[in-house]
C-alpha atoms as a PDB file:
ATOM      1  CA  MET A   1     -39.840  37.234  10.053  1.00  0.00           C
ATOM      2  CA  ALA A   2     -40.231  35.393   6.781  1.00  0.00           C
ATOM      3  CA  ARG A   3     -42.824  32.642   6.870  1.00  0.00           C
ATOM      4  CA  THR A   4     -41.510  29.153   6.154  1.00  0.00           C
ATOM      5  CA  ILE A   5     -43.699  27.244   3.751  1.00  0.00           C
ATOM      6  CA  PRO A   6     -43.485  23.503   4.388  1.00  0.00           C
ATOM      7  CA  LYS A   7     -42.503  21.347   1.469  1.00  0.00           C
ATOM      8  CA  SER A   8     -45.541  19.448   0.259  1.00  0.00           C
ATOM      9  CA  GLY A   9     -44.663  18.311  -3.246  1.00  0.00           C
ATOM     10  CA  PHE A  10     -43.281  14.952  -4.245  1.00  0.00           C
ATOM     11  CA  GLY A  11     -39.671  14.414  -5.232  1.00  0.00           C
ATOM     12  CA  PRO A  12     -37.777  13.099  -8.256  1.00  0.00           C
ATOM     13  CA  LYS A  13     -38.680   9.477  -7.539  1.00  0.00           C
ATOM     14  CA  PHE A  14     -42.314  10.330  -8.189  1.00  0.00           C
ATOM     15  CA  ASP A  15     -41.310  11.923 -11.495  1.00  0.00           C
ATOM     16  CA  GLU A  16     -39.383   8.769 -12.358  1.00  0.00           C
ATOM     17  CA  ALA A  17     -42.406   6.616 -11.539  1.00  0.00           C
ATOM     18  CA  MET A  18     -44.640   8.782 -13.723  1.00  0.00           C
ATOM     19  CA  LEU A  19     -42.298   8.351 -16.666  1.00  0.00           C
ATOM     20  CA  LEU A  20     -41.991   4.606 -16.125  1.00  0.00           C
ATOM     21  CA  ALA A  21     -45.758   4.161 -15.830  1.00  0.00           C
ATOM     22  CA  HIS A  22     -46.313   6.056 -19.062  1.00  0.00           C
ATOM     23  CA  GLU A  23     -43.563   4.131 -20.832  1.00  0.00           C
ATOM     24  CA  LEU A  24     -44.954   0.759 -19.726  1.00  0.00           C
ATOM     25  CA  HIS A  25     -48.591   1.548 -20.513  1.00  0.00           C
ATOM     26  CA  ARG A  26     -48.072   3.899 -23.466  1.00  0.00           C
ATOM     27  CA  PHE A  27     -49.944   1.631 -25.885  1.00  0.00           C
ATOM     28  CA  ASP A  28     -52.493   0.267 -23.397  1.00  0.00           C
ATOM     29  CA  VAL A  29     -56.116   1.392 -23.477  1.00  0.00           C
ATOM     30  CA  ARG A  30     -59.055   1.021 -21.125  1.00  0.00           C
ATOM     31  CA  LYS A  31     -61.345  -1.898 -21.942  1.00  0.00           C
ATOM     32  CA  GLY A  32     -64.125  -0.973 -24.304  1.00  0.00           C
ATOM     33  CA  THR A  33     -63.309   2.737 -24.373  1.00  0.00           C
ATOM     34  CA  GLY A  34     -60.029   3.129 -26.246  1.00  0.00           C
ATOM     35  CA  LYS A  35     -58.934   5.761 -23.729  1.00  0.00           C
ATOM     36  CA  PRO A  36     -55.228   5.838 -22.752  1.00  0.00           C
ATOM     37  CA  TYR A  37     -54.607   3.574 -19.768  1.00  0.00           C
ATOM     38  CA  ILE A  38     -52.528   6.236 -18.035  1.00  0.00           C
ATOM     39  CA  SER A  39     -55.808   7.950 -17.135  1.00  0.00           C
ATOM     40  CA  HIS A  40     -56.596   5.051 -14.808  1.00  0.00           C
ATOM     41  CA  LEU A  41     -53.181   5.130 -13.152  1.00  0.00           C
ATOM     42  CA  LEU A  42     -53.376   8.883 -12.577  1.00  0.00           C
ATOM     43  CA  GLY A  43     -56.898   8.548 -11.187  1.00  0.00           C
ATOM     44  CA  VAL A  44     -55.886   5.842  -8.717  1.00  0.00           C
ATOM     45  CA  CYS A  45     -52.852   7.871  -7.676  1.00  0.00           C
ATOM     46  CA  SER A  46     -55.084  10.888  -7.050  1.00  0.00           C
ATOM     47  CA  LEU A  47     -57.418   8.857  -4.826  1.00  0.00           C
ATOM     48  CA  VAL A  48     -54.504   7.434  -2.837  1.00  0.00           C
ATOM     49  CA  VAL A  49     -53.195  10.932  -2.138  1.00  0.00           C
ATOM     50  CA  ASP A  50     -56.696  12.254  -1.365  1.00  0.00           C
ATOM     51  CA  TYR A  51     -57.157   9.525   1.251  1.00  0.00           C
ATOM     52  CA  GLY A  52     -53.853  10.202   3.000  1.00  0.00           C
ATOM     53  CA  GLY A  53     -51.281   8.198   1.062  1.00  0.00           C
ATOM     54  CA  ASP A  54     -47.679   9.358   1.081  1.00  0.00           C
ATOM     55  CA  GLU A  55     -45.200   9.593  -1.798  1.00  0.00           C
ATOM     56  CA  GLU A  56     -44.250   5.923  -1.854  1.00  0.00           C
ATOM     57  CA  MET A  57     -47.903   4.910  -1.859  1.00  0.00           C
ATOM     58  CA  ALA A  58     -48.550   7.357  -4.704  1.00  0.00           C
ATOM     59  CA  ILE A  59     -45.657   5.810  -6.639  1.00  0.00           C
ATOM     60  CA  ALA A  60     -47.073   2.336  -6.014  1.00  0.00           C
ATOM     61  CA  ALA A  61     -50.453   3.561  -7.299  1.00  0.00           C
ATOM     62  CA  LEU A  62     -48.848   4.643 -10.570  1.00  0.00           C
ATOM     63  CA  LEU A  63     -47.184   1.248 -10.920  1.00  0.00           C
ATOM     64  CA  HIS A  64     -49.866  -1.005  -9.436  1.00  0.00           C
ATOM     65  CA  ASP A  65     -50.600  -2.748 -12.763  1.00  0.00           C
ATOM     66  CA  ALA A  66     -47.019  -2.905 -14.032  1.00  0.00           C
ATOM     67  CA  VAL A  67     -46.251  -6.412 -12.755  1.00  0.00           C
ATOM     68  CA  GLU A  68     -49.621  -7.857 -13.759  1.00  0.00           C
ATOM     69  CA  ASP A  69     -49.572  -6.423 -17.277  1.00  0.00           C
ATOM     70  CA  HIS A  70     -45.919  -5.876 -18.133  1.00  0.00           C
ATOM     71  CA  GLY A  71     -43.426  -8.436 -17.020  1.00  0.00           C
ATOM     72  CA  GLY A  72     -44.349 -10.417 -13.921  1.00  0.00           C
ATOM     73  CA  TYR A  73     -41.651 -11.053 -11.323  1.00  0.00           C
ATOM     74  CA  PRO A  74     -38.816  -9.478 -13.342  1.00  0.00           C
ATOM     75  CA  MET A  75     -40.814  -6.243 -13.396  1.00  0.00           C
ATOM     76  CA  LEU A  76     -41.397  -6.507  -9.650  1.00  0.00           C
ATOM     77  CA  ASP A  77     -37.637  -6.857  -9.155  1.00  0.00           C
ATOM     78  CA  GLN A  78     -37.079  -3.769 -11.320  1.00  0.00           C
ATOM     79  CA  ILE A  79     -39.569  -1.767  -9.260  1.00  0.00           C
ATOM     80  CA  ARG A  80     -37.839  -2.863  -6.059  1.00  0.00           C
ATOM     81  CA  GLU A  81     -34.470  -1.814  -7.427  1.00  0.00           C
ATOM     82  CA  LEU A  82     -35.728   1.593  -8.599  1.00  0.00           C
ATOM     83  CA  PHE A  83     -38.141   2.513  -5.802  1.00  0.00           C
ATOM     84  CA  GLY A  84     -37.384   0.317  -2.809  1.00  0.00           C
ATOM     85  CA  ASP A  85     -38.915  -2.536  -0.854  1.00  0.00           C
ATOM     86  CA  ARG A  86     -42.020  -0.712   0.358  1.00  0.00           C
ATOM     87  CA  VAL A  87     -43.186   0.340  -3.102  1.00  0.00           C
ATOM     88  CA  ALA A  88     -42.496  -3.158  -4.442  1.00  0.00           C
ATOM     89  CA  HIS A  89     -44.427  -4.670  -1.528  1.00  0.00           C
ATOM     90  CA  ILE A  90     -47.496  -2.527  -2.258  1.00  0.00           C
ATOM     91  CA  VAL A  91     -47.375  -3.270  -5.991  1.00  0.00           C
ATOM     92  CA  ASP A  92     -47.021  -6.971  -5.197  1.00  0.00           C
ATOM     93  CA  GLY A  93     -50.083  -6.742  -2.950  1.00  0.00           C
ATOM     94  CA  CYS A  94     -52.118  -5.269  -5.802  1.00  0.00           C
ATOM     95  CA  THR A  95     -51.115  -7.988  -8.288  1.00  0.00           C
ATOM     96  CA  ASP A  96     -53.195 -11.069  -9.093  1.00  0.00           C
ATOM     97  CA  SER A  97     -51.052 -12.577 -11.869  1.00  0.00           C
ATOM     98  CA  TYR A  98     -47.304 -12.803 -12.466  1.00  0.00           C
ATOM     99  CA  VAL A  99     -47.141 -14.290 -15.948  1.00  0.00           C
ATOM    100  CA  LEU A 100     -44.603 -12.794 -18.322  1.00  0.00           C
ATOM    101  CA  ASP A 101     -47.164 -12.661 -21.125  1.00  0.00           C
ATOM    102  CA  ALA A 102     -50.281 -10.796 -19.972  1.00  0.00           C
ATOM    103  CA  THR A 103     -52.355 -12.514 -22.650  1.00  0.00           C
ATOM    104  CA  LYS A 104     -51.792 -15.847 -20.863  1.00  0.00           C
ATOM    105  CA  LYS A 105     -53.102 -15.041 -17.399  1.00  0.00           C
ATOM    106  CA  GLU A 106     -54.755 -17.698 -15.282  1.00  0.00           C
ATOM    107  CA  PRO A 107     -58.574 -18.040 -15.544  1.00  0.00           C
ATOM    108  CA  TRP A 108     -60.421 -14.935 -14.349  1.00  0.00           C
ATOM    109  CA  ARG A 109     -62.413 -16.577 -11.537  1.00  0.00           C
ATOM    110  CA  GLN A 110     -59.341 -18.373 -10.190  1.00  0.00           C
ATOM    111  CA  ARG A 111     -57.368 -15.139  -9.995  1.00  0.00           C
ATOM    112  CA  LYS A 112     -60.179 -13.152  -8.396  1.00  0.00           C
ATOM    113  CA  GLU A 113     -60.989 -15.725  -5.734  1.00  0.00           C
ATOM    114  CA  ALA A 114     -57.319 -15.949  -4.779  1.00  0.00           C
ATOM    115  CA  TYR A 115     -57.062 -12.166  -4.608  1.00  0.00           C
ATOM    116  CA  LEU A 116     -60.183 -11.855  -2.455  1.00  0.00           C
ATOM    117  CA  ALA A 117     -58.677 -14.316   0.017  1.00  0.00           C
ATOM    118  CA  ARG A 118     -55.487 -12.230   0.235  1.00  0.00           C
ATOM    119  CA  ILE A 119     -57.033  -8.839   0.951  1.00  0.00           C
ATOM    120  CA  PRO A 120     -57.789  -9.350   4.662  1.00  0.00           C
ATOM    121  CA  LEU A 121     -54.191 -10.492   5.165  1.00  0.00           C
ATOM    122  CA  GLU A 122     -52.584  -7.456   3.522  1.00  0.00           C
ATOM    123  CA  ASP A 123     -51.317  -4.446   5.458  1.00  0.00           C
ATOM    124  CA  ALA A 124     -52.924  -1.010   5.430  1.00  0.00           C
ATOM    125  CA  ASP A 125     -50.608   0.392   2.728  1.00  0.00           C
ATOM    126  CA  VAL A 126     -51.599  -2.302   0.261  1.00  0.00           C
ATOM    127  CA  ARG A 127     -55.291  -2.074   1.110  1.00  0.00           C
ATOM    128  CA  ILE A 128     -55.396   1.691   0.546  1.00  0.00           C
ATOM    129  CA  VAL A 129     -53.862   1.438  -2.925  1.00  0.00           C
ATOM    130  CA  SER A 130     -55.974  -1.590  -3.789  1.00  0.00           C
ATOM    131  CA  ALA A 131     -59.208   0.027  -2.579  1.00  0.00           C
ATOM    132  CA  ALA A 132     -58.396   3.200  -4.534  1.00  0.00           C
ATOM    133  CA  ASP A 133     -57.907   1.068  -7.651  1.00  0.00           C
ATOM    134  CA  LYS A 134     -61.247  -0.678  -7.131  1.00  0.00           C
ATOM    135  CA  LEU A 135     -63.087   2.561  -6.338  1.00  0.00           C
ATOM    136  CA  TYR A 136     -61.799   4.226  -9.489  1.00  0.00           C
ATOM    137  CA  ASN A 137     -62.845   1.222 -11.569  1.00  0.00           C
ATOM    138  CA  CYS A 138     -66.252   1.031  -9.944  1.00  0.00           C
ATOM    139  CA  ARG A 139     -66.970   4.703 -10.599  1.00  0.00           C
ATOM    140  CA  THR A 140     -65.962   4.260 -14.221  1.00  0.00           C
ATOM    141  CA  ILE A 141     -68.221   1.232 -14.607  1.00  0.00           C
ATOM    142  CA  LEU A 142     -71.135   3.114 -13.047  1.00  0.00           C
ATOM    143  CA  ARG A 143     -70.688   5.973 -15.491  1.00  0.00           C
ATOM    144  CA  ASP A 144     -70.735   3.541 -18.407  1.00  0.00           C
ATOM    145  CA  LEU A 145     -73.723   1.645 -17.010  1.00  0.00           C
ATOM    146  CA  ARG A 146     -75.731   4.840 -16.826  1.00  0.00           C
ATOM    147  CA  ARG A 147     -74.793   5.721 -20.379  1.00  0.00           C
ATOM    148  CA  ASP A 148     -74.848   2.331 -22.113  1.00  0.00           C
ATOM    149  CA  GLY A 149     -76.904   0.073 -19.863  1.00  0.00           C
ATOM    150  CA  ILE A 150     -76.036  -3.455 -18.770  1.00  0.00           C
ATOM    151  CA  ILE A 151     -74.016  -4.130 -21.935  1.00  0.00           C
ATOM    152  CA  ALA A 152     -71.266  -2.000 -20.369  1.00  0.00           C
ATOM    153  CA  LEU A 153     -70.337  -5.100 -18.340  1.00  0.00           C
ATOM    154  CA  ASP A 154     -69.911  -7.314 -21.392  1.00  0.00           C
ATOM    155  CA  ARG A 155     -66.378  -6.055 -21.990  1.00  0.00           C
ATOM    156  CA  PHE A 156     -65.129  -7.588 -18.730  1.00  0.00           C
ATOM    157  CA  ASN A 157     -63.797 -11.131 -18.459  1.00  0.00           C
ATOM    158  CA  GLY A 158     -66.180 -11.858 -15.606  1.00  0.00           C
ATOM    159  CA  GLY A 159     -69.225 -10.966 -17.652  1.00  0.00           C
ATOM    160  CA  ARG A 160     -72.255  -9.275 -16.153  1.00  0.00           C
ATOM    161  CA  LYS A 161     -73.213 -11.053 -12.946  1.00  0.00           C
ATOM    162  CA  ASP A 162     -69.722 -12.183 -11.935  1.00  0.00           C
ATOM    163  CA  THR A 163     -68.286  -8.687 -12.360  1.00  0.00           C
ATOM    164  CA  VAL A 164     -70.841  -7.325  -9.894  1.00  0.00           C
ATOM    165  CA  TRP A 165     -70.254 -10.348  -7.659  1.00  0.00           C
ATOM    166  CA  TYR A 166     -66.530  -9.582  -7.576  1.00  0.00           C
ATOM    167  CA  TYR A 167     -67.002  -5.965  -6.547  1.00  0.00           C
ATOM    168  CA  ASP A 168     -69.472  -6.966  -3.844  1.00  0.00           C
ATOM    169  CA  GLU A 169     -66.993  -9.495  -2.501  1.00  0.00           C
ATOM    170  CA  LEU A 170     -64.215  -6.902  -2.552  1.00  0.00           C
ATOM    171  CA  VAL A 171     -66.205  -4.693  -0.205  1.00  0.00           C
ATOM    172  CA  ALA A 172     -66.657  -7.593   2.207  1.00  0.00           C
ATOM    173  CA  ALA A 173     -62.955  -8.475   2.039  1.00  0.00           C
ATOM    174  CA  PHE A 174     -61.837  -4.906   2.743  1.00  0.00           C
ATOM    175  CA  ARG A 175     -64.298  -4.600   5.624  1.00  0.00           C
ATOM    176  CA  THR A 176     -63.012  -7.849   7.123  1.00  0.00           C
ATOM    177  CA  ALA A 177     -59.590  -6.230   7.397  1.00  0.00           C
ATOM    178  CA  GLY A 178     -61.058  -3.059   8.928  1.00  0.00           C
ATOM    179  CA  SER A 179     -63.134  -0.347   7.335  1.00  0.00           C
ATOM    180  CA  ASN A 180     -62.233   3.305   6.715  1.00  0.00           C
ATOM    181  CA  ASP A 181     -63.551   6.245   4.714  1.00  0.00           C
ATOM    182  CA  LEU A 182     -62.090   4.930   1.464  1.00  0.00           C
ATOM    183  CA  VAL A 183     -63.628   1.486   1.898  1.00  0.00           C
ATOM    184  CA  GLU A 184     -67.019   2.966   2.747  1.00  0.00           C
ATOM    185  CA  GLU A 185     -66.892   5.240  -0.295  1.00  0.00           C
ATOM    186  CA  PHE A 186     -66.151   2.163  -2.366  1.00  0.00           C
ATOM    187  CA  ALA A 187     -69.037   0.331  -0.701  1.00  0.00           C
ATOM    188  CA  LEU A 188     -71.458   3.114  -1.662  1.00  0.00           C
ATOM    189  CA  SER A 189     -70.379   2.856  -5.296  1.00  0.00           C
ATOM    190  CA  VAL A 190     -70.801  -0.922  -5.274  1.00  0.00           C
ATOM    191  CA  GLU A 191     -74.289  -0.630  -3.799  1.00  0.00           C
ATOM    192  CA  GLU A 192     -75.164   1.742  -6.626  1.00  0.00           C
ATOM    193  CA  MET A 193     -73.707  -0.723  -9.138  1.00  0.00           C
ATOM    194  CA  LYS A 194     -75.906  -3.470  -7.717  1.00  0.00           C
ATOM    195  CA  ARG A 195     -78.957  -1.223  -7.834  1.00  0.00           C
ATOM    196  CA  VAL A 196     -78.364  -0.110 -11.413  1.00  0.00           C
ATOM    197  CA  THR A 197     -77.712  -3.636 -12.705  1.00  0.00           C
ATOM    198  CA  GLY A 198     -80.380  -5.374 -10.640  1.00  0.00           C
ATOM    199  CA  TYR A 199     -77.848  -7.859  -9.274  1.00  0.00           C
ATOM    200  CA  ASN A 200     -78.707  -7.015  -5.689  1.00  0.00           C
ATOM    201  CA  ARG A 201     -80.491 -10.163  -4.542  1.00  0.00           C
ATOM    202  CA  PRO A 202     -78.447 -12.561  -2.361  1.00  0.00           C
ATOM    203  CA  ALA A 203     -79.636 -15.584  -4.345  1.00  0.00           C
ATOM    204  CA  GLU A 204     -77.971 -14.129  -7.424  1.00  0.00           C
ATOM    205  CA  MET A 205     -74.698 -13.384  -5.632  1.00  0.00           C
ATOM    206  CA  PRO A 206     -73.171 -16.633  -4.294  1.00  0.00           C
ATOM    207  CA  ARG A 207     -70.592 -15.688  -1.704  1.00  0.00           C
ATOM    208  CA  MET A 208     -67.197 -17.100  -0.887  1.00  0.00           C
ATOM    209  CA  PRO A 209     -66.443 -18.474   2.582  1.00  0.00           C
ATOM    210  CA  ARG A 210     -65.107 -15.718   4.791  1.00  0.00           C
ATOM    211  CA  GLN A 211     -61.490 -15.876   5.936  1.00  0.00           C
ATOM    212  CA  GLU A 212     -60.389 -14.196   9.115  1.00  0.00           C
ATOM    213  CA  PRO A 213     -57.135 -12.213   8.993  1.00  0.00           C
ATOM    214  CA  CYS A 214     -54.117 -13.699  10.758  1.00  0.00           C
END
């Protein structure tokens, strides 16, 4: 009897999302590196799949920065029309600004504090994609810290101490919602970031009030 091989690949909607992500971010580069931004989107997508995400979550990973960087709410509506409510919901949950012009986002600290407060209230789909995004970024920052030293943090809007503060707070926010292997992998990377930078003393890391999930 012929052996049936189960279908494991993604379908045409994933292909469509790949093309849209590349089209939207074609001229975007990673801060301070000049590398094509699509590398970040592909890396986050890979982590989502590695940690159990399905096709719609993988699509959301490819598009997780589309609303924030390329069109605000009209872009979110386009994603919903093309890929459905669930993908749009996950992308929405990964977004901290909805301005039409990405150069006019709200102040960095304001956006990050609001996003930290939202994480414990988000569902598991959103938190997986969000945590994969943060883990990928953290690993990239660690690589640059080891190569360039503390100046690697100067390219971020939060500066040196506040960038580390934000990642430390992200770990706490994800854990408040319920930890998992992805969150703990992220936590290990953040601990290494704190060790490498020296920003590992509580007095240097003022914390936000904790919010319990509904």
